[in-house]
């Protein structure tokens, strides 16, 4: 800081210049000890101008992701219910000892709906499930229609084994479809 005592020429012009210089130095120097170049950024509206839009962008991105998740969950729910319905229908058909063709009508309807789902969800492991359902229904009807006679035991055993193998493969494929769906429904 400049003081009047430090001046070499004690004239009125130099005194006025010293006072102006002293007041400018006081304006530039902050009173709390921080440097002047940081106070403009640290104080006031600048932080609000940076944080406010950034917060809005984050909230919008989270909302957009949640909206996409909800939309996917809504679209996958019917597929998940169809897969569970096929499993329930297999269990119901296995429990019956006598079958007629009409007992497999629900399974055939579900097969055609799963075929449509395979076209819609191409990355879903639905490929070939409709063929397995068809094989299972044919093996089940043939197994239930064949009577167990002493001379036809080996044919009956082969039919039962083929039906069980097809049912096991079908359940394994349906489980993989359910896992695929559940993986997309996790947040």
C-alpha atoms as a PDB file:
ATOM      1  CA  UNK A   1       0.000   0.000   0.000  1.00  0.00           C
ATOM      2  CA  UNK A   2       1.025   3.485  -0.594  1.00  0.00           C
ATOM      3  CA  UNK A   3       1.188   6.043   2.168  1.00  0.00           C
ATOM      4  CA  UNK A   4       1.578   9.752   1.909  1.00  0.00           C
ATOM      5  CA  UNK A   5       4.852   9.576   3.821  1.00  0.00           C
ATOM      6  CA  UNK A   6       6.435   7.362   1.138  1.00  0.00           C
ATOM      7  CA  UNK A   7       6.034   9.911  -1.644  1.00  0.00           C
ATOM      8  CA  UNK A   8       9.052  11.744  -2.942  1.00  0.00           C
ATOM      9  CA  UNK A   9       7.213  14.863  -4.130  1.00  0.00           C
ATOM     10  CA  UNK A  10       4.806  16.201  -1.591  1.00  0.00           C
ATOM     11  CA  UNK A  11       2.686  18.180  -4.068  1.00  0.00           C
ATOM     12  CA  UNK A  12      -1.101  18.073  -4.234  1.00  0.00           C
ATOM     13  CA  UNK A  13      -1.154  16.084  -7.481  1.00  0.00           C
ATOM     14  CA  UNK A  14       0.997  13.362  -6.066  1.00  0.00           C
ATOM     15  CA  UNK A  15      -1.109  13.226  -2.907  1.00  0.00           C
ATOM     16  CA  UNK A  16      -4.285  12.838  -4.973  1.00  0.00           C
ATOM     17  CA  UNK A  17      -2.611  10.151  -7.093  1.00  0.00           C
ATOM     18  CA  UNK A  18      -1.523   8.306  -3.961  1.00  0.00           C
ATOM     19  CA  UNK A  19      -5.070   8.338  -2.567  1.00  0.00           C
ATOM     20  CA  UNK A  20      -6.541   7.009  -5.812  1.00  0.00           C
ATOM     21  CA  UNK A  21      -3.908   4.300  -5.993  1.00  0.00           C
ATOM     22  CA  UNK A  22      -4.545   3.340  -2.377  1.00  0.00           C
ATOM     23  CA  UNK A  23      -8.297   3.046  -2.963  1.00  0.00           C
ATOM     24  CA  UNK A  24      -7.740   0.925  -6.113  1.00  0.00           C
ATOM     25  CA  UNK A  25      -5.464  -1.405  -4.207  1.00  0.00           C
ATOM     26  CA  UNK A  26      -8.146  -1.811  -1.522  1.00  0.00           C
ATOM     27  CA  UNK A  27     -10.770  -2.646  -4.164  1.00  0.00           C
ATOM     28  CA  UNK A  28      -8.618  -5.303  -5.799  1.00  0.00           C
ATOM     29  CA  UNK A  29      -7.488  -6.929  -2.548  1.00  0.00           C
ATOM     30  CA  UNK A  30     -10.218  -8.998  -0.851  1.00  0.00           C
ATOM     31  CA  UNK A  31     -10.826  -8.398   2.821  1.00  0.00           C
ATOM     32  CA  UNK A  32     -10.961 -12.061   3.918  1.00  0.00           C
ATOM     33  CA  UNK A  33      -7.561 -13.026   2.533  1.00  0.00           C
ATOM     34  CA  UNK A  34      -8.610 -15.096  -0.519  1.00  0.00           C
ATOM     35  CA  UNK A  35      -7.301 -14.132  -3.893  1.00  0.00           C
ATOM     36  CA  UNK A  36      -9.535 -12.131  -6.184  1.00  0.00           C
ATOM     37  CA  UNK A  37      -9.395 -14.443  -9.226  1.00  0.00           C
ATOM     38  CA  UNK A  38     -11.209 -17.289  -7.367  1.00  0.00           C
ATOM     39  CA  UNK A  39     -13.999 -15.298  -5.734  1.00  0.00           C
ATOM     40  CA  UNK A  40     -15.939 -14.792  -8.966  1.00  0.00           C
ATOM     41  CA  UNK A  41     -16.238 -18.556  -9.524  1.00  0.00           C
ATOM     42  CA  UNK A  42     -16.670 -19.609  -5.904  1.00  0.00           C
ATOM     43  CA  UNK A  43     -19.404 -17.213  -5.028  1.00  0.00           C
ATOM     44  CA  UNK A  44     -22.857 -16.590  -6.338  1.00  0.00           C
ATOM     45  CA  UNK A  45     -24.705 -17.692  -9.385  1.00  0.00           C
ATOM     46  CA  UNK A  46     -21.882 -19.485 -11.214  1.00  0.00           C
ATOM     47  CA  UNK A  47     -22.141 -22.716  -9.176  1.00  0.00           C
ATOM     48  CA  UNK A  48     -25.911 -22.683  -9.525  1.00  0.00           C
ATOM     49  CA  UNK A  49     -25.503 -22.208 -13.274  1.00  0.00           C
ATOM     50  CA  UNK A  50     -23.249 -25.281 -13.443  1.00  0.00           C
ATOM     51  CA  UNK A  51     -24.948 -27.597 -10.953  1.00  0.00           C
ATOM     52  CA  UNK A  52     -28.543 -26.796 -11.886  1.00  0.00           C
ATOM     53  CA  UNK A  53     -28.459 -27.949 -15.521  1.00  0.00           C
ATOM     54  CA  UNK A  54     -26.203 -30.869 -14.630  1.00  0.00           C
ATOM     55  CA  UNK A  55     -28.751 -32.036 -12.064  1.00  0.00           C
ATOM     56  CA  UNK A  56     -31.553 -31.705 -14.585  1.00  0.00           C
ATOM     57  CA  UNK A  57     -29.615 -33.773 -17.130  1.00  0.00           C
ATOM     58  CA  UNK A  58     -28.993 -36.533 -14.562  1.00  0.00           C
ATOM     59  CA  UNK A  59     -32.626 -36.595 -13.465  1.00  0.00           C
ATOM     60  CA  UNK A  60     -33.800 -36.718 -17.080  1.00  0.00           C
ATOM     61  CA  UNK A  61     -31.409 -39.573 -17.910  1.00  0.00           C
ATOM     62  CA  UNK A  62     -32.546 -41.600 -14.898  1.00  0.00           C
ATOM     63  CA  UNK A  63     -36.185 -40.949 -15.759  1.00  0.00           C
ATOM     64  CA  UNK A  64     -35.627 -41.909 -19.392  1.00  0.00           C
ATOM     65  CA  UNK A  65     -33.936 -45.165 -18.346  1.00  0.00           C
ATOM     66  CA  UNK A  66     -36.742 -45.964 -15.907  1.00  0.00           C
ATOM     67  CA  UNK A  67     -39.331 -45.259 -18.590  1.00  0.00           C
ATOM     68  CA  UNK A  68     -37.535 -47.611 -21.000  1.00  0.00           C
ATOM     69  CA  UNK A  69     -37.316 -50.290 -18.321  1.00  0.00           C
ATOM     70  CA  UNK A  70     -41.037 -49.993 -17.545  1.00  0.00           C
ATOM     71  CA  UNK A  71     -41.910 -50.193 -21.237  1.00  0.00           C
ATOM     72  CA  UNK A  72     -39.781 -53.324 -21.718  1.00  0.00           C
ATOM     73  CA  UNK A  73     -41.269 -54.916 -18.595  1.00  0.00           C
ATOM     74  CA  UNK A  74     -44.787 -54.242 -19.863  1.00  0.00           C
ATOM     75  CA  UNK A  75     -43.971 -55.795 -23.234  1.00  0.00           C
ATOM     76  CA  UNK A  76     -42.251 -58.875 -21.765  1.00  0.00           C
ATOM     77  CA  UNK A  77     -44.961 -59.650 -19.194  1.00  0.00           C
ATOM     78  CA  UNK A  78     -47.293 -61.511 -21.638  1.00  0.00           C
ATOM     79  CA  UNK A  79     -44.371 -63.605 -22.908  1.00  0.00           C
ATOM     80  CA  UNK A  80     -43.414 -64.539 -19.356  1.00  0.00           C
ATOM     81  CA  UNK A  81     -47.028 -65.506 -18.585  1.00  0.00           C
ATOM     82  CA  UNK A  82     -47.199 -67.653 -21.745  1.00  0.00           C
ATOM     83  CA  UNK A  83     -44.027 -69.506 -20.778  1.00  0.00           C
ATOM     84  CA  UNK A  84     -45.440 -70.180 -17.326  1.00  0.00           C
ATOM     85  CA  UNK A  85     -48.747 -71.281 -18.892  1.00  0.00           C
ATOM     86  CA  UNK A  86     -46.897 -73.802 -21.089  1.00  0.00           C
ATOM     87  CA  UNK A  87     -45.148 -75.202 -18.015  1.00  0.00           C
ATOM     88  CA  UNK A  88     -48.449 -75.451 -16.153  1.00  0.00           C
ATOM     89  CA  UNK A  89     -50.124 -77.119 -19.132  1.00  0.00           C
ATOM     90  CA  UNK A  90     -47.318 -79.696 -19.380  1.00  0.00           C
ATOM     91  CA  UNK A  91     -47.773 -80.495 -15.688  1.00  0.00           C
ATOM     92  CA  UNK A  92     -51.545 -80.790 -16.140  1.00  0.00           C
ATOM     93  CA  UNK A  93     -51.203 -83.084 -19.153  1.00  0.00           C
ATOM     94  CA  UNK A  94     -48.636 -85.267 -17.380  1.00  0.00           C
ATOM     95  CA  UNK A  95     -51.059 -85.734 -14.497  1.00  0.00           C
ATOM     96  CA  UNK A  96     -53.830 -87.090 -16.742  1.00  0.00           C
ATOM     97  CA  UNK A  97     -53.826 -90.807 -17.426  1.00  0.00           C
ATOM     98  CA  UNK A  98     -56.229 -90.699 -20.375  1.00  0.00           C
ATOM     99  CA  UNK A  99     -55.987 -88.041 -23.066  1.00  0.00           C
ATOM    100  CA  UNK A 100     -58.026 -87.010 -26.051  1.00  0.00           C
ATOM    101  CA  UNK A 101     -56.980 -84.619 -28.840  1.00  0.00           C
ATOM    102  CA  UNK A 102     -58.932 -81.728 -27.303  1.00  0.00           C
ATOM    103  CA  UNK A 103     -56.765 -81.865 -24.179  1.00  0.00           C
ATOM    104  CA  UNK A 104     -53.826 -80.540 -26.212  1.00  0.00           C
ATOM    105  CA  UNK A 105     -55.786 -77.592 -27.678  1.00  0.00           C
ATOM    106  CA  UNK A 106     -54.470 -75.153 -25.064  1.00  0.00           C
ATOM    107  CA  UNK A 107     -50.919 -76.324 -25.667  1.00  0.00           C
ATOM    108  CA  UNK A 108     -51.382 -75.863 -29.428  1.00  0.00           C
ATOM    109  CA  UNK A 109     -52.726 -72.333 -28.902  1.00  0.00           C
ATOM    110  CA  UNK A 110     -49.783 -71.458 -26.664  1.00  0.00           C
ATOM    111  CA  UNK A 111     -47.428 -72.928 -29.286  1.00  0.00           C
ATOM    112  CA  UNK A 112     -48.705 -70.555 -31.968  1.00  0.00           C
ATOM    113  CA  UNK A 113     -48.460 -67.568 -29.588  1.00  0.00           C
ATOM    114  CA  UNK A 114     -44.875 -68.495 -28.735  1.00  0.00           C
ATOM    115  CA  UNK A 115     -44.104 -68.715 -32.456  1.00  0.00           C
ATOM    116  CA  UNK A 116     -45.336 -65.132 -32.814  1.00  0.00           C
ATOM    117  CA  UNK A 117     -43.246 -64.109 -29.813  1.00  0.00           C
ATOM    118  CA  UNK A 118     -40.180 -65.703 -31.422  1.00  0.00           C
ATOM    119  CA  UNK A 119     -40.656 -63.400 -34.416  1.00  0.00           C
ATOM    120  CA  UNK A 120     -41.091 -60.364 -32.174  1.00  0.00           C
ATOM    121  CA  UNK A 121     -38.249 -61.069 -29.725  1.00  0.00           C
ATOM    122  CA  UNK A 122     -35.549 -62.382 -32.042  1.00  0.00           C
ATOM    123  CA  UNK A 123     -32.805 -62.373 -29.395  1.00  0.00           C
ATOM    124  CA  UNK A 124     -34.938 -64.452 -27.037  1.00  0.00           C
ATOM    125  CA  UNK A 125     -34.056 -68.176 -27.066  1.00  0.00           C
ATOM    126  CA  UNK A 126     -37.533 -69.162 -28.339  1.00  0.00           C
ATOM    127  CA  UNK A 127     -36.287 -70.744 -31.542  1.00  0.00           C
ATOM    128  CA  UNK A 128     -37.413 -74.345 -31.840  1.00  0.00           C
ATOM    129  CA  UNK A 129     -39.740 -74.331 -28.827  1.00  0.00           C
ATOM    130  CA  UNK A 130     -42.817 -74.611 -31.054  1.00  0.00           C
ATOM    131  CA  UNK A 131     -41.341 -77.751 -32.649  1.00  0.00           C
ATOM    132  CA  UNK A 132     -40.617 -79.205 -29.221  1.00  0.00           C
ATOM    133  CA  UNK A 133     -44.185 -78.524 -28.098  1.00  0.00           C
ATOM    134  CA  UNK A 134     -45.481 -80.235 -31.213  1.00  0.00           C
ATOM    135  CA  UNK A 135     -43.202 -83.248 -30.651  1.00  0.00           C
ATOM    136  CA  UNK A 136     -44.215 -83.409 -27.003  1.00  0.00           C
ATOM    137  CA  UNK A 137     -47.947 -83.330 -27.782  1.00  0.00           C
ATOM    138  CA  UNK A 138     -47.563 -86.060 -30.419  1.00  0.00           C
ATOM    139  CA  UNK A 139     -45.474 -88.250 -28.101  1.00  0.00           C
ATOM    140  CA  UNK A 140     -47.883 -87.711 -25.226  1.00  0.00           C
ATOM    141  CA  UNK A 141     -50.943 -88.617 -27.294  1.00  0.00           C
ATOM    142  CA  UNK A 142     -49.229 -91.679 -28.725  1.00  0.00           C
ATOM    143  CA  UNK A 143     -48.014 -92.771 -25.283  1.00  0.00           C
ATOM    144  CA  UNK A 144     -51.427 -92.370 -23.672  1.00  0.00           C
ATOM    145  CA  UNK A 145     -53.243 -94.027 -26.579  1.00  0.00           C
ATOM    146  CA  UNK A 146     -51.085 -97.169 -26.611  1.00  0.00           C
ATOM    147  CA  UNK A 147     -52.277 -99.861 -24.285  1.00  0.00           C
ATOM    148  CA  UNK A 148     -49.767-101.762 -22.236  1.00  0.00           C
ATOM    149  CA  UNK A 149     -49.843-105.312 -23.516  1.00  0.00           C
ATOM    150  CA  UNK A 150     -47.289-107.935 -22.541  1.00  0.00           C
ATOM    151  CA  UNK A 151     -45.891-108.217 -26.071  1.00  0.00           C
ATOM    152  CA  UNK A 152     -45.679-104.413 -26.557  1.00  0.00           C
ATOM    153  CA  UNK A 153     -43.826-103.400 -23.395  1.00  0.00           C
ATOM    154  CA  UNK A 154     -40.669-102.339 -25.232  1.00  0.00           C
ATOM    155  CA  UNK A 155     -42.665-100.033 -27.549  1.00  0.00           C
ATOM    156  CA  UNK A 156     -44.454 -98.539 -24.557  1.00  0.00           C
ATOM    157  CA  UNK A 157     -41.150 -97.974 -22.748  1.00  0.00           C
ATOM    158  CA  UNK A 158     -39.662 -96.312 -25.840  1.00  0.00           C
ATOM    159  CA  UNK A 159     -42.695 -94.006 -26.105  1.00  0.00           C
ATOM    160  CA  UNK A 160     -42.463 -93.058 -22.432  1.00  0.00           C
ATOM    161  CA  UNK A 161     -38.741 -92.365 -22.698  1.00  0.00           C
ATOM    162  CA  UNK A 162     -39.189 -90.283 -25.839  1.00  0.00           C
ATOM    163  CA  UNK A 163     -42.000 -88.292 -24.192  1.00  0.00           C
ATOM    164  CA  UNK A 164     -39.931 -87.700 -21.035  1.00  0.00           C
ATOM    165  CA  UNK A 165     -36.840 -86.667 -23.006  1.00  0.00           C
ATOM    166  CA  UNK A 166     -38.895 -84.230 -25.066  1.00  0.00           C
ATOM    167  CA  UNK A 167     -40.560 -82.863 -21.926  1.00  0.00           C
ATOM    168  CA  UNK A 168     -37.188 -82.444 -20.217  1.00  0.00           C
ATOM    169  CA  UNK A 169     -35.717 -80.603 -23.211  1.00  0.00           C
ATOM    170  CA  UNK A 170     -38.816 -78.426 -23.438  1.00  0.00           C
ATOM    171  CA  UNK A 171     -38.635 -77.502 -19.750  1.00  0.00           C
ATOM    172  CA  UNK A 172     -34.935 -76.704 -20.045  1.00  0.00           C
ATOM    173  CA  UNK A 173     -35.590 -74.405 -23.013  1.00  0.00           C
ATOM    174  CA  UNK A 174     -38.513 -72.743 -21.221  1.00  0.00           C
ATOM    175  CA  UNK A 175     -36.272 -72.167 -18.192  1.00  0.00           C
ATOM    176  CA  UNK A 176     -33.681 -70.468 -20.419  1.00  0.00           C
ATOM    177  CA  UNK A 177     -36.416 -68.222 -21.840  1.00  0.00           C
ATOM    178  CA  UNK A 178     -37.503 -67.297 -18.321  1.00  0.00           C
ATOM    179  CA  UNK A 179     -33.905 -66.490 -17.380  1.00  0.00           C
ATOM    180  CA  UNK A 180     -33.573 -64.305 -20.484  1.00  0.00           C
ATOM    181  CA  UNK A 181     -36.742 -62.413 -19.544  1.00  0.00           C
ATOM    182  CA  UNK A 182     -35.746 -62.036 -15.883  1.00  0.00           C
ATOM    183  CA  UNK A 183     -32.342 -60.678 -16.881  1.00  0.00           C
ATOM    184  CA  UNK A 184     -34.073 -57.884 -18.796  1.00  0.00           C
ATOM    185  CA  UNK A 185     -36.376 -57.128 -15.896  1.00  0.00           C
ATOM    186  CA  UNK A 186     -33.569 -56.444 -13.414  1.00  0.00           C
ATOM    187  CA  UNK A 187     -32.896 -52.790 -12.715  1.00  0.00           C
END
